[in-house]
Amino acid sequence: MSAFAFALGAASATPSSVASSSARRAPRASSSSSASLRSTAMTSSSSSSRDLLRLRGRPSSSSSSSSSSRRGASVATRAKAPFPVGVPDANGIVPGVGKGMPKWPEVWSWLNDEKRMQTIDSREAVKMMNRGAVLLDVRFEPDYEKWSVPGSVHVPYVTGGVLAKMRLPGFKKKNVDFVSQVEAAVPDKKTKIILACIWGGSLVREPPKNRGLTDDTKGAGSLPGAFELYQAGYTNLYHMYGGVNQYYQDCAFDESLIDGEGIWPGDLEWFGYRQFVGKDRLKGQRDD
């Protein structure tokens, strides 16, 4: 995936409570093979499973002792991460991706150790939205138009024309107006904002030291977007675990969640949207 891997769209949506949203139930495939596809997608990625365990405060038993030592080391180094080295744009914002961007491990450390950004799951995100928080969907515009979380606000982190919307590689570019569009959509910079991209990335696992073709800790716009919004003065930013994909998966197993709007590609058996079976994103075998 190109470094400029996300999308464009006007920030015309307005925040609203999930409770008051008229959600349309996305059609669900009823066959056992479809259920198996969703179940496999949730369990076949061991790194994602470890993320969720740590997110909920339950480290896996096989790594409890090592996790404890890592937590101790993390506490000792907190608030010591310097601001990432990059080149500011015309508005004085160092971009999360694109020309002038810092090295991702530096951004990751800054979000963790300096900003202490929290990762929350789908259920907590909905609870926060019902209390006035904004779910900011930063996905590519065609994705948001087809399937989205009820009550979310859309400001894409990247943009692209007709060829990009045809999914041809190399035609997407960073949305240079991302920060200003968020400021127009959510002017109060003390508002609690939950950022969500297509699959989330991770603030739990450290970026791999021996990087392959892709780095699954970076996500597809939510974390680089948060990096820019912090610079613009936003103070209450949260990261949604697993992104919008995970929300739709969670809806299949958690009746307390309002079903997403539109048709989630993961429910289309022929598409096999998450494509986790037999593939390893860290080795560059899957891209978005």
Protein backbone atom coordinates (compact mmCIF):
# COMPACT_ATOMS: atom_id res chain seq x y z
CA MET A 1 0.00 0.00 0.00
CA SER A 2 1.25 3.45 -0.88
CA ALA A 3 2.19 5.76 1.94
CA PHE A 4 -0.72 7.84 0.78
CA ALA A 5 -3.28 5.14 1.51
CA PHE A 6 -6.59 6.73 2.55
CA ALA A 7 -9.27 9.26 1.08
CA LEU A 8 -11.22 12.52 0.37
CA GLY A 9 -14.69 13.70 1.34
CA ALA A 10 -16.41 16.83 2.57
CA ALA A 11 -16.79 17.21 6.30
CA SER A 12 -20.48 17.91 6.00
CA ALA A 13 -21.75 15.35 8.49
CA THR A 14 -22.76 16.58 11.92
CA PRO A 15 -22.22 14.75 15.22
CA SER A 16 -25.25 13.00 16.65
CA SER A 17 -26.01 10.50 19.38
CA VAL A 18 -25.93 6.89 18.35
CA ALA A 19 -29.03 6.35 20.43
CA SER A 20 -30.99 8.75 18.22
CA SER A 21 -29.62 7.45 14.93
CA SER A 22 -32.00 5.54 12.68
CA ALA A 23 -29.63 2.71 11.90
CA ARG A 24 -30.38 0.45 8.98
CA ARG A 25 -29.60 -3.18 9.71
CA ALA A 26 -26.96 -4.38 7.29
CA PRO A 27 -28.01 -7.58 5.50
CA ARG A 28 -26.32 -10.60 7.05
CA ALA A 29 -25.46 -13.77 5.21
CA SER A 30 -27.20 -16.62 7.00
CA SER A 31 -25.10 -19.55 5.85
CA SER A 32 -22.78 -21.35 8.23
CA SER A 33 -19.87 -20.65 5.89
CA SER A 34 -20.42 -16.89 6.29
CA ALA A 35 -20.47 -17.23 10.06
CA SER A 36 -17.28 -19.25 9.82
CA LEU A 37 -15.68 -16.50 7.73
CA ARG A 38 -16.43 -13.86 10.36
CA SER A 39 -15.31 -16.13 13.19
CA THR A 40 -12.06 -16.96 11.42
CA ALA A 41 -11.40 -13.29 10.70
CA MET A 42 -11.66 -12.53 14.40
CA THR A 43 -9.45 -15.35 15.61
CA SER A 44 -6.86 -16.17 12.96
CA SER A 45 -4.65 -13.15 13.62
CA SER A 46 -2.69 -13.89 16.79
CA SER A 47 -1.33 -10.36 16.99
CA SER A 48 -4.86 -8.92 16.91
CA SER A 49 -5.92 -11.32 19.65
CA ARG A 50 -3.04 -10.19 21.84
CA ASP A 51 -4.01 -6.57 21.17
CA LEU A 52 -7.54 -7.14 22.42
CA LEU A 53 -6.39 -9.06 25.49
CA ARG A 54 -4.02 -6.27 26.49
CA LEU A 55 -6.63 -3.63 25.66
CA ARG A 56 -8.96 -5.26 28.17
CA GLY A 57 -6.20 -5.54 30.74
CA ARG A 58 -5.81 -9.31 30.49
CA PRO A 59 -2.39 -10.18 29.11
CA SER A 60 -2.11 -13.71 27.74
CA SER A 61 -0.77 -16.21 30.26
CA SER A 62 2.14 -17.19 28.03
CA SER A 63 3.48 -13.64 28.13
CA SER A 64 2.34 -12.34 31.52
CA SER A 65 5.81 -12.16 33.05
CA SER A 66 7.37 -10.54 30.00
CA SER A 67 4.41 -8.14 29.72
CA SER A 68 4.97 -7.12 33.33
CA SER A 69 8.60 -6.27 32.69
CA ARG A 70 7.67 -4.36 29.54
CA ARG A 71 5.07 -2.35 31.46
CA GLY A 72 7.69 -1.46 34.05
CA ALA A 73 10.06 -0.33 31.35
CA SER A 74 7.28 1.65 29.68
CA VAL A 75 6.44 3.52 32.88
CA ALA A 76 10.10 4.38 33.36
CA THR A 77 10.35 5.91 29.88
CA ARG A 78 6.96 7.67 29.69
CA ALA A 79 6.91 11.38 28.80
CA LYS A 80 10.46 11.14 27.44
CA ALA A 81 9.52 10.69 23.79
CA PRO A 82 10.67 13.77 21.86
CA PHE A 83 8.47 15.30 19.20
CA PRO A 84 9.01 13.37 15.95
CA VAL A 85 11.40 14.91 13.46
CA GLY A 86 9.57 16.00 10.32
CA VAL A 87 8.95 18.95 8.02
CA PRO A 88 5.86 21.09 8.82
CA ASP A 89 3.41 21.92 6.05
CA ALA A 90 2.17 25.42 5.19
CA ASN A 91 -0.05 25.38 8.29
CA GLY A 92 2.76 24.37 10.62
CA ILE A 93 1.55 20.76 10.98
CA VAL A 94 4.05 17.92 10.62
CA PRO A 95 2.16 15.38 8.46
CA GLY A 96 1.49 11.83 9.59
CA VAL A 97 2.06 10.51 6.07
CA GLY A 98 3.41 11.98 2.87
CA LYS A 99 6.09 14.55 2.19
CA GLY A 100 7.80 15.70 5.38
CA MET A 101 6.46 12.88 7.57
CA PRO A 102 8.59 11.57 10.46
CA LYS A 103 9.58 7.95 10.93
CA TRP A 104 6.53 6.04 12.13
CA PRO A 105 8.20 4.51 15.25
CA GLU A 106 8.86 8.08 16.46
CA VAL A 107 5.20 9.01 15.99
CA TRP A 108 4.09 5.78 17.69
CA SER A 109 6.29 6.51 20.73
CA TRP A 110 5.07 10.11 20.92
CA LEU A 111 1.41 9.07 20.85
CA ASN A 112 2.07 6.50 23.56
CA ASP A 113 4.58 8.12 25.87
CA GLU A 114 3.86 11.83 25.46
CA LYS A 115 0.12 11.90 24.68
CA ARG A 116 -0.76 8.57 26.32
CA MET A 117 -3.46 8.07 23.73
CA GLN A 118 -6.00 5.43 24.75
CA THR A 119 -7.38 2.62 22.62
CA ILE A 120 -11.02 1.69 23.18
CA ASP A 121 -13.24 -1.08 21.81
CA SER A 122 -16.53 -0.82 19.92
CA ARG A 123 -18.77 -1.02 22.98
CA GLU A 124 -16.89 1.74 24.82
CA ALA A 125 -16.95 3.88 21.67
CA VAL A 126 -20.75 3.67 21.52
CA LYS A 127 -21.04 4.53 25.22
CA MET A 128 -18.85 7.58 24.69
CA MET A 129 -20.86 8.67 21.64
CA ASN A 130 -24.04 8.51 23.70
CA ARG A 131 -22.35 10.89 26.15
CA GLY A 132 -21.44 13.38 23.43
CA ALA A 133 -18.17 12.09 21.98
CA VAL A 134 -17.63 12.17 18.21
CA LEU A 135 -16.68 9.08 16.21
CA LEU A 136 -14.47 10.46 13.44
CA ASP A 137 -14.35 8.10 10.46
CA VAL A 138 -11.26 8.89 8.37
CA ARG A 139 -11.70 6.22 5.69
CA PHE A 140 -11.65 6.64 1.93
CA GLU A 141 -14.87 8.33 0.78
CA PRO A 142 -16.33 5.40 -1.25
CA ASP A 143 -16.02 3.11 1.77
CA TYR A 144 -17.82 5.53 4.08
CA GLU A 145 -20.61 6.04 1.54
CA LYS A 146 -21.28 2.29 1.35
CA TRP A 147 -20.94 1.28 5.02
CA SER A 148 -20.52 3.30 8.20
CA VAL A 149 -21.20 3.45 11.93
CA PRO A 150 -24.47 5.30 12.70
CA GLY A 151 -23.84 8.79 14.06
CA SER A 152 -20.24 8.99 12.89
CA VAL A 153 -18.68 12.08 11.30
CA HIS A 154 -16.66 11.62 8.12
CA VAL A 155 -13.47 13.50 7.31
CA PRO A 156 -11.22 11.40 5.03
CA TYR A 157 -7.51 11.30 5.68
CA VAL A 158 -6.70 10.78 1.98
CA THR A 159 -8.32 11.70 -1.28
CA GLY A 160 -8.42 10.43 -4.81
CA GLY A 161 -10.21 10.86 -8.11
CA VAL A 162 -11.98 8.40 -10.37
CA LEU A 163 -8.96 6.13 -10.79
CA ALA A 164 -8.39 5.97 -7.03
CA LYS A 165 -12.05 5.07 -6.53
CA MET A 166 -11.55 2.24 -9.01
CA ARG A 167 -8.95 0.91 -6.51
CA LEU A 168 -6.08 1.39 -8.90
CA PRO A 169 -2.82 1.68 -6.93
CA GLY A 170 -0.87 4.91 -6.78
CA PHE A 171 -3.75 7.35 -7.33
CA LYS A 172 -4.58 8.23 -3.73
CA LYS A 173 -2.99 11.16 -1.98
CA LYS A 174 -3.11 12.67 1.46
CA ASN A 175 -5.99 15.03 2.13
CA VAL A 176 -4.07 18.28 2.71
CA ASP A 177 -7.21 19.84 4.19
CA PHE A 178 -7.74 17.10 6.77
CA VAL A 179 -7.05 19.24 9.84
CA SER A 180 -9.04 22.25 8.62
CA GLN A 181 -11.99 20.01 7.70
CA VAL A 182 -11.97 18.45 11.17
CA GLU A 183 -11.83 21.94 12.69
CA ALA A 184 -14.93 22.87 10.67
CA ALA A 185 -16.78 19.68 11.66
CA VAL A 186 -15.72 19.67 15.32
CA PRO A 187 -14.69 23.22 16.29
CA ASP A 188 -14.48 22.59 20.04
CA LYS A 189 -10.99 21.16 20.52
CA LYS A 190 -11.86 19.78 23.94
CA THR A 191 -14.46 17.44 22.42
CA LYS A 192 -13.75 13.76 22.90
CA ILE A 193 -12.99 12.40 19.44
CA ILE A 194 -12.66 8.70 18.64
CA LEU A 195 -10.67 8.17 15.45
CA ALA A 196 -11.45 5.13 13.31
CA CYS A 197 -9.98 3.99 10.01
CA ILE A 198 -10.65 0.75 8.18
CA TRP A 199 -8.65 -1.63 10.39
CA GLY A 200 -7.20 0.47 13.15
CA GLY A 201 -3.50 -0.15 13.55
CA SER A 202 -2.14 -0.65 17.07
CA LEU A 203 -0.83 1.38 19.98
CA VAL A 204 -0.31 -1.83 21.98
CA ARG A 205 2.28 -3.63 19.89
CA GLU A 206 5.45 -1.75 19.04
CA PRO A 207 6.29 -1.19 15.37
CA PRO A 208 8.40 -4.10 14.08
CA LYS A 209 12.13 -3.50 14.12
CA ASN A 210 12.60 -5.53 10.95
CA ARG A 211 9.90 -4.03 8.80
CA GLY A 212 8.49 -5.90 5.84
CA LEU A 213 6.49 -4.34 3.08
CA THR A 214 3.84 -3.13 5.51
CA ASP A 215 3.61 -2.15 9.18
CA ASP A 216 0.29 -3.13 10.70
CA THR A 217 0.73 -0.86 13.74
CA LYS A 218 0.28 2.27 11.61
CA GLY A 219 -3.27 1.57 10.49
CA ALA A 220 -4.93 3.35 7.60
CA GLY A 221 -5.26 6.92 8.81
CA SER A 222 -6.61 7.01 12.37
CA LEU A 223 -3.24 7.20 14.14
CA PRO A 224 -1.44 9.48 11.64
CA GLY A 225 -4.57 11.64 11.71
CA ALA A 226 -4.47 11.79 15.51
CA PHE A 227 -0.82 12.87 15.31
CA GLU A 228 -1.86 15.88 13.22
CA LEU A 229 -4.91 16.75 15.33
CA TYR A 230 -2.87 16.78 18.53
CA GLN A 231 -0.61 19.36 16.88
CA ALA A 232 -3.68 21.43 15.97
CA GLY A 233 -4.68 21.64 19.63
CA TYR A 234 -7.17 18.80 20.09
CA THR A 235 -6.72 17.34 23.56
CA ASN A 236 -9.13 14.41 23.97
CA LEU A 237 -8.38 11.93 21.21
CA TYR A 238 -9.06 8.18 21.32
CA HIS A 239 -8.20 5.32 19.00
CA MET A 240 -10.82 2.66 18.13
CA TYR A 241 -9.46 -0.87 18.23
CA GLY A 242 -9.75 -2.67 14.90
CA GLY A 243 -11.32 0.29 13.14
CA VAL A 244 -14.70 0.20 11.40
CA ASN A 245 -14.07 -3.38 10.25
CA GLN A 246 -13.94 -4.52 13.87
CA TYR A 247 -17.12 -2.63 14.74
CA TYR A 248 -19.02 -4.55 12.06
CA GLN A 249 -17.54 -7.83 13.26
CA ASP A 250 -18.49 -7.02 16.83
CA CYS A 251 -22.09 -6.35 15.75
CA ALA A 252 -22.37 -10.00 14.74
CA PHE A 253 -21.68 -11.11 18.32
CA ASP A 254 -22.78 -8.19 20.52
CA GLU A 255 -26.50 -7.41 20.46
CA SER A 256 -25.94 -4.21 22.46
CA LEU A 257 -24.31 -2.55 19.43
CA ILE A 258 -26.39 -0.76 16.82
CA ASP A 259 -25.82 -2.42 13.46
CA GLY A 260 -23.75 -0.50 10.97
CA GLU A 261 -25.42 1.19 8.04
CA GLY A 262 -25.14 -0.19 4.53
CA ILE A 263 -23.64 -3.51 3.49
CA TRP A 264 -20.32 -4.48 5.05
CA PRO A 265 -18.10 -6.23 2.47
CA GLY A 266 -17.12 -8.75 5.15
CA ASP A 267 -20.63 -10.21 4.91
CA LEU A 268 -20.14 -11.00 1.23
CA GLU A 269 -18.75 -14.54 1.12
CA TRP A 270 -17.36 -14.21 -2.39
CA PHE A 271 -15.38 -11.14 -1.41
CA GLY A 272 -13.66 -12.48 1.72
CA TYR A 273 -12.99 -8.91 2.75
CA ARG A 274 -10.62 -9.28 5.69
CA GLN A 275 -8.57 -11.97 3.97
CA PHE A 276 -6.75 -13.08 7.09
CA VAL A 277 -6.80 -16.79 6.30
CA GLY A 278 -3.28 -17.92 5.41
CA LYS A 279 -2.00 -14.38 5.09
CA ASP A 280 0.35 -12.28 7.17
CA ARG A 281 0.10 -8.50 6.94
CA LEU A 282 3.52 -8.10 8.54
CA LYS A 283 5.00 -9.88 5.52
CA GLY A 284 3.15 -7.64 3.12
CA GLN A 285 0.69 -10.32 2.04
CA ARG A 286 -2.36 -8.16 2.62
CA ASP A 287 -2.94 -4.53 1.88
CA ASP A 288 -5.85 -2.11 2.07
